[in-house]
Amino acid sequence: MVERRRLGMLTAHAVLGAGLLAVGFPLYVTLVASTHTAQELLGHFPLWFGGHMIENYARVLSAGGRGAGSAPVLRMLVNSLVMAGAVAVGKIAISILSAYAIVYFRFPFRMACFWTIFLTLMLPVEVRIMPTFKVVADLGLLNTYAGLSVPLIASATATFLFRQFFLTVPEELAEAARIDGAGALRFFWSILAPLSRTNIAALFVILFIFGWNQFLWPLMVTTDERMLTVVMAIKRVVPTGDAVAEWNLVMATVTLALLPPVAVVVLMQRWFIKGLIETEK
């Protein structure tokens, strides 16, 4: 029995190690390549760090790569942070208030409103991109942070998850709040919001990465170099035609694009896991 258990642990660790290697090795090669010069990468990709890391990252942050035009990647990182943060916060705010109204208020066609929201899952932004672009253009929101984020902040998935969570909250809490004289906003802010903090954290991580990885919508609504996002920068630093790519700058841009979402996941890992698995209220 002991031998079987030991064999099972060794097998599990071997599988985990192989998975870690498969995921981590490309990231390692990317980081290593960003520390070399373009000439050193022409023949092969080295497997150890070079001595040009500060030079490459400073150039990318301040001036961008040759294919990135005049837009520095630092500005693109700021644009992506603003867009991803606005999308995550906006989705959570709208969804939690929508779920609260659906669960705790009795109004005509309440469930019809919920299922109408839920049906929008079949209409992602890629499906409705032309009418959405027309509305944004008519409102004068092209090349603005509002144009980048506002059309993406509605979320049927988050509304559904918050609704399911609110349905598990004991009715006695609402009754006790009413007896103590708490109004609807006080009950929401003092009781439901603290109870939902792990769900909010888990959704924030997911929605931040969703907003960060957007490519098609920013490509549609931005024509100004100063409003480009870092995901768009990855495409722009790779030249087209016969031009030779500066792979050291490409890899530096990719590494910089990875850092903010990785930081969000690492910093909120504990809350993220609790929000996915916690069932006790």
C-alpha atoms as a PDB file:
ATOM      1  CA  MET A   1       0.000   0.000   0.000  1.00  0.00           C
ATOM      2  CA  VAL A   2       2.826   2.368   0.895  1.00  0.00           C
ATOM      3  CA  GLU A   3       4.647   1.548  -2.343  1.00  0.00           C
ATOM      4  CA  ARG A   4       1.509   2.229  -4.393  1.00  0.00           C
ATOM      5  CA  ARG A   5       1.001   5.549  -2.671  1.00  0.00           C
ATOM      6  CA  ARG A   6       4.614   6.514  -3.256  1.00  0.00           C
ATOM      7  CA  LEU A   7       4.373   5.499  -6.910  1.00  0.00           C
ATOM      8  CA  GLY A   8       1.198   7.534  -7.296  1.00  0.00           C
ATOM      9  CA  MET A   9       2.876  10.606  -5.765  1.00  0.00           C
ATOM     10  CA  LEU A  10       5.890  10.230  -8.029  1.00  0.00           C
ATOM     11  CA  THR A  11       3.645   9.925 -11.070  1.00  0.00           C
ATOM     12  CA  ALA A  12       1.624  12.974 -10.049  1.00  0.00           C
ATOM     13  CA  HIS A  13       4.777  15.028  -9.495  1.00  0.00           C
ATOM     14  CA  ALA A  14       6.208  13.876 -12.827  1.00  0.00           C
ATOM     15  CA  VAL A  15       3.049  14.947 -14.661  1.00  0.00           C
ATOM     16  CA  LEU A  16       3.024  18.294 -12.853  1.00  0.00           C
ATOM     17  CA  GLY A  17       6.691  18.809 -13.646  1.00  0.00           C
ATOM     18  CA  ALA A  18       6.121  18.059 -17.325  1.00  0.00           C
ATOM     19  CA  GLY A  19       3.206  20.493 -17.420  1.00  0.00           C
ATOM     20  CA  LEU A  20       5.262  23.175 -15.677  1.00  0.00           C
ATOM     21  CA  LEU A  21       8.096  22.668 -18.156  1.00  0.00           C
ATOM     22  CA  ALA A  22       5.733  22.866 -21.136  1.00  0.00           C
ATOM     23  CA  VAL A  23       4.230  26.122 -19.863  1.00  0.00           C
ATOM     24  CA  GLY A  24       7.333  27.703 -18.366  1.00  0.00           C
ATOM     25  CA  PHE A  25       9.958  26.996 -21.024  1.00  0.00           C
ATOM     26  CA  PRO A  26       8.478  29.318 -23.706  1.00  0.00           C
ATOM     27  CA  LEU A  27       8.233  32.068 -21.100  1.00  0.00           C
ATOM     28  CA  TYR A  28      11.846  31.468 -20.115  1.00  0.00           C
ATOM     29  CA  VAL A  29      12.985  31.653 -23.754  1.00  0.00           C
ATOM     30  CA  THR A  30      11.014  34.884 -24.186  1.00  0.00           C
ATOM     31  CA  LEU A  31      12.647  36.464 -21.143  1.00  0.00           C
ATOM     32  CA  VAL A  32      16.132  35.313 -22.196  1.00  0.00           C
ATOM     33  CA  ALA A  33      15.697  36.604 -25.756  1.00  0.00           C
ATOM     34  CA  SER A  34      14.711  40.026 -24.445  1.00  0.00           C
ATOM     35  CA  THR A  35      18.179  40.431 -22.903  1.00  0.00           C
ATOM     36  CA  HIS A  36      20.179  39.990 -26.135  1.00  0.00           C
ATOM     37  CA  THR A  37      20.781  42.132 -29.197  1.00  0.00           C
ATOM     38  CA  ALA A  38      18.964  41.566 -32.486  1.00  0.00           C
ATOM     39  CA  GLN A  39      22.172  40.309 -34.116  1.00  0.00           C
ATOM     40  CA  GLU A  40      22.693  37.668 -31.431  1.00  0.00           C
ATOM     41  CA  LEU A  41      19.236  36.245 -32.145  1.00  0.00           C
ATOM     42  CA  LEU A  42      19.589  35.945 -35.918  1.00  0.00           C
ATOM     43  CA  GLY A  43      21.159  32.489 -35.920  1.00  0.00           C
ATOM     44  CA  HIS A  44      19.528  30.881 -32.895  1.00  0.00           C
ATOM     45  CA  PHE A  45      17.789  31.701 -29.653  1.00  0.00           C
ATOM     46  CA  PRO A  46      20.271  31.438 -26.756  1.00  0.00           C
ATOM     47  CA  LEU A  47      19.259  29.682 -23.558  1.00  0.00           C
ATOM     48  CA  TRP A  48      21.024  32.007 -21.133  1.00  0.00           C
ATOM     49  CA  PHE A  49      20.650  35.672 -20.319  1.00  0.00           C
ATOM     50  CA  GLY A  50      22.533  38.361 -22.197  1.00  0.00           C
ATOM     51  CA  GLY A  51      23.824  41.711 -21.067  1.00  0.00           C
ATOM     52  CA  HIS A  52      21.409  44.066 -22.858  1.00  0.00           C
ATOM     53  CA  MET A  53      18.310  43.747 -20.697  1.00  0.00           C
ATOM     54  CA  ILE A  54      18.234  47.320 -19.386  1.00  0.00           C
ATOM     55  CA  GLU A  55      19.008  48.729 -22.824  1.00  0.00           C
ATOM     56  CA  ASN A  56      16.244  46.751 -24.564  1.00  0.00           C
ATOM     57  CA  TYR A  57      13.553  47.449 -21.990  1.00  0.00           C
ATOM     58  CA  ALA A  58      14.451  51.136 -21.745  1.00  0.00           C
ATOM     59  CA  ARG A  59      14.219  51.475 -25.524  1.00  0.00           C
ATOM     60  CA  VAL A  60      10.866  49.684 -25.710  1.00  0.00           C
ATOM     61  CA  LEU A  61       9.358  51.644 -22.820  1.00  0.00           C
ATOM     62  CA  SER A  62      10.521  55.033 -24.030  1.00  0.00           C
ATOM     63  CA  ALA A  63      10.370  54.783 -27.821  1.00  0.00           C
ATOM     64  CA  GLY A  64       8.840  51.456 -28.835  1.00  0.00           C
ATOM     65  CA  GLY A  65      10.195  49.066 -31.435  1.00  0.00           C
ATOM     66  CA  ARG A  66      10.855  49.905 -35.037  1.00  0.00           C
ATOM     67  CA  GLY A  67       7.450  48.509 -36.029  1.00  0.00           C
ATOM     68  CA  ALA A  68       5.643  50.349 -33.254  1.00  0.00           C
ATOM     69  CA  GLY A  69       6.047  53.784 -34.808  1.00  0.00           C
ATOM     70  CA  SER A  70       6.432  56.642 -32.380  1.00  0.00           C
ATOM     71  CA  ALA A  71       4.274  55.208 -29.602  1.00  0.00           C
ATOM     72  CA  PRO A  72       6.228  54.080 -26.521  1.00  0.00           C
ATOM     73  CA  VAL A  73       5.152  50.831 -24.924  1.00  0.00           C
ATOM     74  CA  LEU A  74       4.913  52.564 -21.536  1.00  0.00           C
ATOM     75  CA  ARG A  75       1.966  54.615 -22.829  1.00  0.00           C
ATOM     76  CA  MET A  76       0.398  51.447 -24.232  1.00  0.00           C
ATOM     77  CA  LEU A  77       0.759  49.739 -20.852  1.00  0.00           C
ATOM     78  CA  VAL A  78      -1.028  52.648 -19.187  1.00  0.00           C
ATOM     79  CA  ASN A  79      -3.809  52.478 -21.779  1.00  0.00           C
ATOM     80  CA  SER A  80      -4.221  48.744 -21.217  1.00  0.00           C
ATOM     81  CA  LEU A  81      -4.261  49.174 -17.431  1.00  0.00           C
ATOM     82  CA  VAL A  82      -6.938  51.855 -17.628  1.00  0.00           C
ATOM     83  CA  MET A  83      -9.027  49.827 -20.059  1.00  0.00           C
ATOM     84  CA  ALA A  84      -8.724  46.516 -18.178  1.00  0.00           C
ATOM     85  CA  GLY A  85      -9.348  48.150 -14.799  1.00  0.00           C
ATOM     86  CA  ALA A  86     -12.377  50.061 -16.081  1.00  0.00           C
ATOM     87  CA  VAL A  87     -13.815  46.943 -17.724  1.00  0.00           C
ATOM     88  CA  ALA A  88     -13.339  44.818 -14.585  1.00  0.00           C
ATOM     89  CA  VAL A  89     -14.690  47.409 -12.142  1.00  0.00           C
ATOM     90  CA  GLY A  90     -17.556  48.386 -14.454  1.00  0.00           C
ATOM     91  CA  LYS A  91     -18.634  44.805 -15.089  1.00  0.00           C
ATOM     92  CA  ILE A  92     -18.594  43.988 -11.377  1.00  0.00           C
ATOM     93  CA  ALA A  93     -20.458  47.164 -10.361  1.00  0.00           C
ATOM     94  CA  ILE A  94     -23.215  46.776 -12.949  1.00  0.00           C
ATOM     95  CA  SER A  95     -23.544  43.022 -12.455  1.00  0.00           C
ATOM     96  CA  ILE A  96     -23.733  43.048  -8.659  1.00  0.00           C
ATOM     97  CA  LEU A  97     -26.365  45.803  -8.678  1.00  0.00           C
ATOM     98  CA  SER A  98     -28.363  44.023 -11.376  1.00  0.00           C
ATOM     99  CA  ALA A  99     -28.264  40.738  -9.467  1.00  0.00           C
ATOM    100  CA  TYR A 100     -29.250  42.523  -6.244  1.00  0.00           C
ATOM    101  CA  ALA A 101     -32.285  44.102  -7.917  1.00  0.00           C
ATOM    102  CA  ILE A 102     -33.365  40.800  -9.483  1.00  0.00           C
ATOM    103  CA  VAL A 103     -33.098  38.803  -6.238  1.00  0.00           C
ATOM    104  CA  TYR A 104     -34.305  41.257  -3.582  1.00  0.00           C
ATOM    105  CA  PHE A 105     -36.825  43.453  -5.383  1.00  0.00           C
ATOM    106  CA  ARG A 106     -40.229  42.378  -6.637  1.00  0.00           C
ATOM    107  CA  PHE A 107     -41.145  44.228  -9.819  1.00  0.00           C
ATOM    108  CA  PRO A 108     -43.073  43.244 -12.972  1.00  0.00           C
ATOM    109  CA  PHE A 109     -41.214  41.076 -15.494  1.00  0.00           C
ATOM    110  CA  ARG A 110     -38.354  40.562 -13.063  1.00  0.00           C
ATOM    111  CA  MET A 111     -37.404  37.123 -14.389  1.00  0.00           C
ATOM    112  CA  ALA A 112     -37.967  38.236 -17.978  1.00  0.00           C
ATOM    113  CA  CYS A 113     -35.348  40.935 -17.416  1.00  0.00           C
ATOM    114  CA  PHE A 114     -32.943  38.368 -15.975  1.00  0.00           C
ATOM    115  CA  TRP A 115     -33.331  35.949 -18.877  1.00  0.00           C
ATOM    116  CA  THR A 116     -32.995  38.806 -21.352  1.00  0.00           C
ATOM    117  CA  ILE A 117     -29.668  39.669 -19.729  1.00  0.00           C
ATOM    118  CA  PHE A 118     -28.670  36.016 -19.767  1.00  0.00           C
ATOM    119  CA  LEU A 119     -29.482  35.648 -23.472  1.00  0.00           C
ATOM    120  CA  THR A 120     -26.920  38.344 -24.295  1.00  0.00           C
ATOM    121  CA  LEU A 121     -24.285  35.658 -23.725  1.00  0.00           C
ATOM    122  CA  MET A 122     -25.026  34.639 -27.313  1.00  0.00           C
ATOM    123  CA  LEU A 123     -24.129  38.153 -28.527  1.00  0.00           C
ATOM    124  CA  PRO A 124     -20.461  38.820 -27.729  1.00  0.00           C
ATOM    125  CA  VAL A 125     -18.863  42.048 -28.852  1.00  0.00           C
ATOM    126  CA  GLU A 126     -17.522  40.390 -32.016  1.00  0.00           C
ATOM    127  CA  VAL A 127     -21.091  39.662 -33.178  1.00  0.00           C
ATOM    128  CA  ARG A 128     -22.408  43.183 -32.562  1.00  0.00           C
ATOM    129  CA  ILE A 129     -19.197  45.037 -33.330  1.00  0.00           C
ATOM    130  CA  MET A 130     -20.511  47.106 -36.265  1.00  0.00           C
ATOM    131  CA  PRO A 131     -23.592  48.623 -34.559  1.00  0.00           C
ATOM    132  CA  THR A 132     -21.556  49.110 -31.384  1.00  0.00           C
ATOM    133  CA  PHE A 133     -18.859  50.921 -33.346  1.00  0.00           C
ATOM    134  CA  LYS A 134     -21.518  53.094 -35.000  1.00  0.00           C
ATOM    135  CA  VAL A 135     -22.902  54.139 -31.599  1.00  0.00           C
ATOM    136  CA  VAL A 136     -19.444  54.862 -30.208  1.00  0.00           C
ATOM    137  CA  ALA A 137     -18.502  56.886 -33.297  1.00  0.00           C
ATOM    138  CA  ASP A 138     -21.745  58.902 -33.203  1.00  0.00           C
ATOM    139  CA  LEU A 139     -21.124  59.731 -29.539  1.00  0.00           C
ATOM    140  CA  GLY A 140     -17.623  60.982 -30.342  1.00  0.00           C
ATOM    141  CA  LEU A 141     -15.917  58.343 -28.175  1.00  0.00           C
ATOM    142  CA  LEU A 142     -13.309  57.157 -30.670  1.00  0.00           C
ATOM    143  CA  ASN A 143      -9.741  57.343 -29.324  1.00  0.00           C
ATOM    144  CA  THR A 144     -10.974  57.739 -25.744  1.00  0.00           C
ATOM    145  CA  TYR A 145     -10.811  55.557 -22.645  1.00  0.00           C
ATOM    146  CA  ALA A 146     -14.608  55.594 -22.510  1.00  0.00           C
ATOM    147  CA  GLY A 147     -14.802  54.243 -26.049  1.00  0.00           C
ATOM    148  CA  LEU A 148     -12.349  51.490 -25.180  1.00  0.00           C
ATOM    149  CA  SER A 149     -14.083  50.316 -22.009  1.00  0.00           C
ATOM    150  CA  VAL A 150     -17.777  51.296 -21.840  1.00  0.00           C
ATOM    151  CA  PRO A 151     -19.028  48.953 -24.639  1.00  0.00           C
ATOM    152  CA  LEU A 152     -17.394  46.010 -22.823  1.00  0.00           C
ATOM    153  CA  ILE A 153     -18.621  46.541 -19.270  1.00  0.00           C
ATOM    154  CA  ALA A 154     -21.966  44.708 -19.484  1.00  0.00           C
ATOM    155  CA  SER A 155     -21.586  41.107 -18.287  1.00  0.00           C
ATOM    156  CA  ALA A 156     -24.342  38.508 -18.223  1.00  0.00           C
ATOM    157  CA  THR A 157     -21.967  35.924 -16.735  1.00  0.00           C
ATOM    158  CA  ALA A 158     -21.116  38.070 -13.707  1.00  0.00           C
ATOM    159  CA  THR A 159     -24.801  38.922 -13.208  1.00  0.00           C
ATOM    160  CA  PHE A 160     -25.674  35.229 -13.231  1.00  0.00           C
ATOM    161  CA  LEU A 161     -22.901  34.350 -10.752  1.00  0.00           C
ATOM    162  CA  PHE A 162     -23.876  37.126  -8.341  1.00  0.00           C
ATOM    163  CA  ARG A 163     -27.539  36.117  -8.590  1.00  0.00           C
ATOM    164  CA  GLN A 164     -26.707  32.514  -7.747  1.00  0.00           C
ATOM    165  CA  PHE A 165     -24.658  33.672  -4.774  1.00  0.00           C
ATOM    166  CA  PHE A 166     -27.368  35.998  -3.457  1.00  0.00           C
ATOM    167  CA  LEU A 167     -29.889  33.156  -3.631  1.00  0.00           C
ATOM    168  CA  THR A 168     -27.765  31.221  -1.116  1.00  0.00           C
ATOM    169  CA  VAL A 169     -27.727  34.077   1.415  1.00  0.00           C
ATOM    170  CA  PRO A 170     -30.171  33.243   4.245  1.00  0.00           C
ATOM    171  CA  GLU A 171     -33.413  35.229   4.235  1.00  0.00           C
ATOM    172  CA  GLU A 172     -32.948  35.810   7.962  1.00  0.00           C
ATOM    173  CA  LEU A 173     -30.178  38.307   7.191  1.00  0.00           C
ATOM    174  CA  ALA A 174     -32.532  40.481   5.155  1.00  0.00           C
ATOM    175  CA  GLU A 175     -35.257  40.206   7.804  1.00  0.00           C
ATOM    176  CA  ALA A 176     -32.819  41.117  10.590  1.00  0.00           C
ATOM    177  CA  ALA A 177     -31.610  44.115   8.579  1.00  0.00           C
ATOM    178  CA  ARG A 178     -35.180  45.330   8.085  1.00  0.00           C
ATOM    179  CA  ILE A 179     -35.935  44.935  11.800  1.00  0.00           C
ATOM    180  CA  ASP A 180     -32.833  46.995  12.630  1.00  0.00           C
ATOM    181  CA  GLY A 181     -34.046  49.720  10.305  1.00  0.00           C
ATOM    182  CA  ALA A 182     -31.549  49.192   7.496  1.00  0.00           C
ATOM    183  CA  GLY A 183     -32.717  50.317   4.091  1.00  0.00           C
ATOM    184  CA  ALA A 184     -32.012  48.659   0.778  1.00  0.00           C
ATOM    185  CA  LEU A 185     -28.688  50.429   0.219  1.00  0.00           C
ATOM    186  CA  ARG A 186     -27.528  49.850   3.801  1.00  0.00           C
ATOM    187  CA  PHE A 187     -28.329  46.128   3.537  1.00  0.00           C
ATOM    188  CA  PHE A 188     -26.447  45.902   0.275  1.00  0.00           C
ATOM    189  CA  TRP A 189     -23.406  47.888   1.386  1.00  0.00           C
ATOM    190  CA  SER A 190     -23.054  46.543   4.939  1.00  0.00           C
ATOM    191  CA  ILE A 191     -24.089  42.900   4.491  1.00  0.00           C
ATOM    192  CA  LEU A 192     -24.163  41.672   0.902  1.00  0.00           C
ATOM    193  CA  ALA A 193     -21.040  43.461  -0.335  1.00  0.00           C
ATOM    194  CA  PRO A 194     -18.776  42.107   2.456  1.00  0.00           C
ATOM    195  CA  LEU A 195     -20.197  38.615   1.952  1.00  0.00           C
ATOM    196  CA  SER A 196     -19.440  38.889  -1.769  1.00  0.00           C
ATOM    197  CA  ARG A 197     -15.812  39.983  -1.433  1.00  0.00           C
ATOM    198  CA  THR A 198     -14.324  36.618  -2.476  1.00  0.00           C
ATOM    199  CA  ASN A 199     -16.659  36.420  -5.473  1.00  0.00           C
ATOM    200  CA  ILE A 200     -15.750  39.992  -6.394  1.00  0.00           C
ATOM    201  CA  ALA A 201     -12.036  39.175  -6.161  1.00  0.00           C
ATOM    202  CA  ALA A 202     -12.368  36.063  -8.330  1.00  0.00           C
ATOM    203  CA  LEU A 203     -14.399  37.922 -10.943  1.00  0.00           C
ATOM    204  CA  PHE A 204     -11.990  40.856 -10.887  1.00  0.00           C
ATOM    205  CA  VAL A 205      -9.086  38.585 -11.840  1.00  0.00           C
ATOM    206  CA  ILE A 206     -11.056  36.952 -14.666  1.00  0.00           C
ATOM    207  CA  LEU A 207     -12.504  40.204 -16.000  1.00  0.00           C
ATOM    208  CA  PHE A 208      -9.220  42.115 -15.743  1.00  0.00           C
ATOM    209  CA  ILE A 209      -7.507  39.503 -17.898  1.00  0.00           C
ATOM    210  CA  PHE A 210     -10.488  39.592 -20.279  1.00  0.00           C
ATOM    211  CA  GLY A 211     -10.123  43.341 -20.698  1.00  0.00           C
ATOM    212  CA  TRP A 212      -6.346  43.170 -20.923  1.00  0.00           C
ATOM    213  CA  ASN A 213      -6.410  40.607 -23.763  1.00  0.00           C
ATOM    214  CA  GLN A 214      -8.852  42.531 -25.956  1.00  0.00           C
ATOM    215  CA  PHE A 215      -7.496  43.123 -29.452  1.00  0.00           C
ATOM    216  CA  LEU A 216     -10.307  43.445 -31.997  1.00  0.00           C
ATOM    217  CA  TRP A 217     -12.315  46.151 -30.223  1.00  0.00           C
ATOM    218  CA  PRO A 218      -9.326  48.456 -29.475  1.00  0.00           C
ATOM    219  CA  LEU A 219      -8.234  47.946 -33.076  1.00  0.00           C
ATOM    220  CA  MET A 220     -11.625  49.251 -34.232  1.00  0.00           C
ATOM    221  CA  VAL A 221     -11.944  52.328 -32.013  1.00  0.00           C
ATOM    222  CA  THR A 222      -8.353  53.618 -31.921  1.00  0.00           C
ATOM    223  CA  THR A 223      -6.593  55.453 -34.728  1.00  0.00           C
ATOM    224  CA  ASP A 224      -4.394  57.638 -32.530  1.00  0.00           C
ATOM    225  CA  GLU A 225      -0.973  56.162 -31.667  1.00  0.00           C
ATOM    226  CA  ARG A 226      -1.333  57.465 -28.113  1.00  0.00           C
ATOM    227  CA  MET A 227      -4.439  55.327 -27.460  1.00  0.00           C
ATOM    228  CA  LEU A 228      -3.081  51.963 -28.601  1.00  0.00           C
ATOM    229  CA  THR A 229      -3.006  49.085 -26.104  1.00  0.00           C
ATOM    230  CA  VAL A 230      -0.050  46.849 -25.358  1.00  0.00           C
ATOM    231  CA  VAL A 231      -1.698  43.811 -26.979  1.00  0.00           C
ATOM    232  CA  MET A 232      -1.814  45.814 -30.194  1.00  0.00           C
ATOM    233  CA  ALA A 233       1.843  46.714 -29.654  1.00  0.00           C
ATOM    234  CA  ILE A 234       2.843  43.056 -29.870  1.00  0.00           C
ATOM    235  CA  LYS A 235       1.447  42.926 -33.403  1.00  0.00           C
ATOM    236  CA  ARG A 236       2.952  46.260 -34.395  1.00  0.00           C
ATOM    237  CA  VAL A 237       6.523  45.537 -33.285  1.00  0.00           C
ATOM    238  CA  VAL A 238       6.670  42.612 -35.741  1.00  0.00           C
ATOM    239  CA  PRO A 239       7.337  44.196 -39.156  1.00  0.00           C
ATOM    240  CA  THR A 240       5.639  43.007 -42.317  1.00  0.00           C
ATOM    241  CA  GLY A 241       7.180  42.403 -45.707  1.00  0.00           C
ATOM    242  CA  ASP A 242      10.909  41.891 -46.079  1.00  0.00           C
ATOM    243  CA  ALA A 243      11.930  43.845 -42.987  1.00  0.00           C
ATOM    244  CA  VAL A 244      13.897  41.936 -40.361  1.00  0.00           C
ATOM    245  CA  ALA A 245      12.188  41.723 -36.998  1.00  0.00           C
ATOM    246  CA  GLU A 246      14.040  42.994 -33.954  1.00  0.00           C
ATOM    247  CA  TRP A 247      13.191  39.940 -31.890  1.00  0.00           C
ATOM    248  CA  ASN A 248      14.852  41.274 -28.772  1.00  0.00           C
ATOM    249  CA  LEU A 249      12.399  44.189 -28.744  1.00  0.00           C
ATOM    250  CA  VAL A 250       9.487  41.924 -29.638  1.00  0.00           C
ATOM    251  CA  MET A 251      10.289  39.646 -26.713  1.00  0.00           C
ATOM    252  CA  ALA A 252      10.747  42.616 -24.382  1.00  0.00           C
ATOM    253  CA  THR A 253       7.304  43.914 -25.387  1.00  0.00           C
ATOM    254  CA  VAL A 254       5.760  40.476 -24.842  1.00  0.00           C
ATOM    255  CA  THR A 255       7.362  40.219 -21.405  1.00  0.00           C
ATOM    256  CA  LEU A 256       6.068  43.645 -20.401  1.00  0.00           C
ATOM    257  CA  ALA A 257       2.591  42.701 -21.634  1.00  0.00           C
ATOM    258  CA  LEU A 258       2.656  39.606 -19.420  1.00  0.00           C
ATOM    259  CA  LEU A 259       3.647  41.341 -16.189  1.00  0.00           C
ATOM    260  CA  PRO A 260       0.413  43.178 -15.145  1.00  0.00           C
ATOM    261  CA  PRO A 261      -1.989  40.193 -15.513  1.00  0.00           C
ATOM    262  CA  VAL A 262       0.535  37.906 -13.830  1.00  0.00           C
ATOM    263  CA  ALA A 263       0.864  40.413 -10.979  1.00  0.00           C
ATOM    264  CA  VAL A 264      -2.929  40.583 -10.567  1.00  0.00           C
ATOM    265  CA  VAL A 265      -3.199  36.779 -10.431  1.00  0.00           C
ATOM    266  CA  VAL A 266      -0.314  36.431  -7.962  1.00  0.00           C
ATOM    267  CA  LEU A 267      -1.468  39.226  -5.648  1.00  0.00           C
ATOM    268  CA  MET A 268      -5.094  38.046  -5.614  1.00  0.00           C
ATOM    269  CA  GLN A 269      -4.451  34.310  -5.799  1.00  0.00           C
ATOM    270  CA  ARG A 270      -5.767  33.532  -2.314  1.00  0.00           C
ATOM    271  CA  TRP A 271      -8.983  35.495  -2.829  1.00  0.00           C
ATOM    272  CA  PHE A 272      -9.364  34.111  -6.345  1.00  0.00           C
ATOM    273  CA  ILE A 273      -9.240  30.492  -5.146  1.00  0.00           C
ATOM    274  CA  LYS A 274     -11.580  31.193  -2.238  1.00  0.00           C
ATOM    275  CA  GLY A 275     -14.061  32.872  -4.557  1.00  0.00           C
ATOM    276  CA  LEU A 276     -14.140  29.794  -6.804  1.00  0.00           C
ATOM    277  CA  ILE A 277     -14.412  27.077  -4.120  1.00  0.00           C
ATOM    278  CA  GLU A 278     -15.916  28.718  -1.041  1.00  0.00           C
ATOM    279  CA  THR A 279     -19.432  27.494  -0.299  1.00  0.00           C
ATOM    280  CA  GLU A 280     -19.934  28.380   3.376  1.00  0.00           C
ATOM    281  CA  LYS A 281     -21.717  31.633   4.111  1.00  0.00           C
END
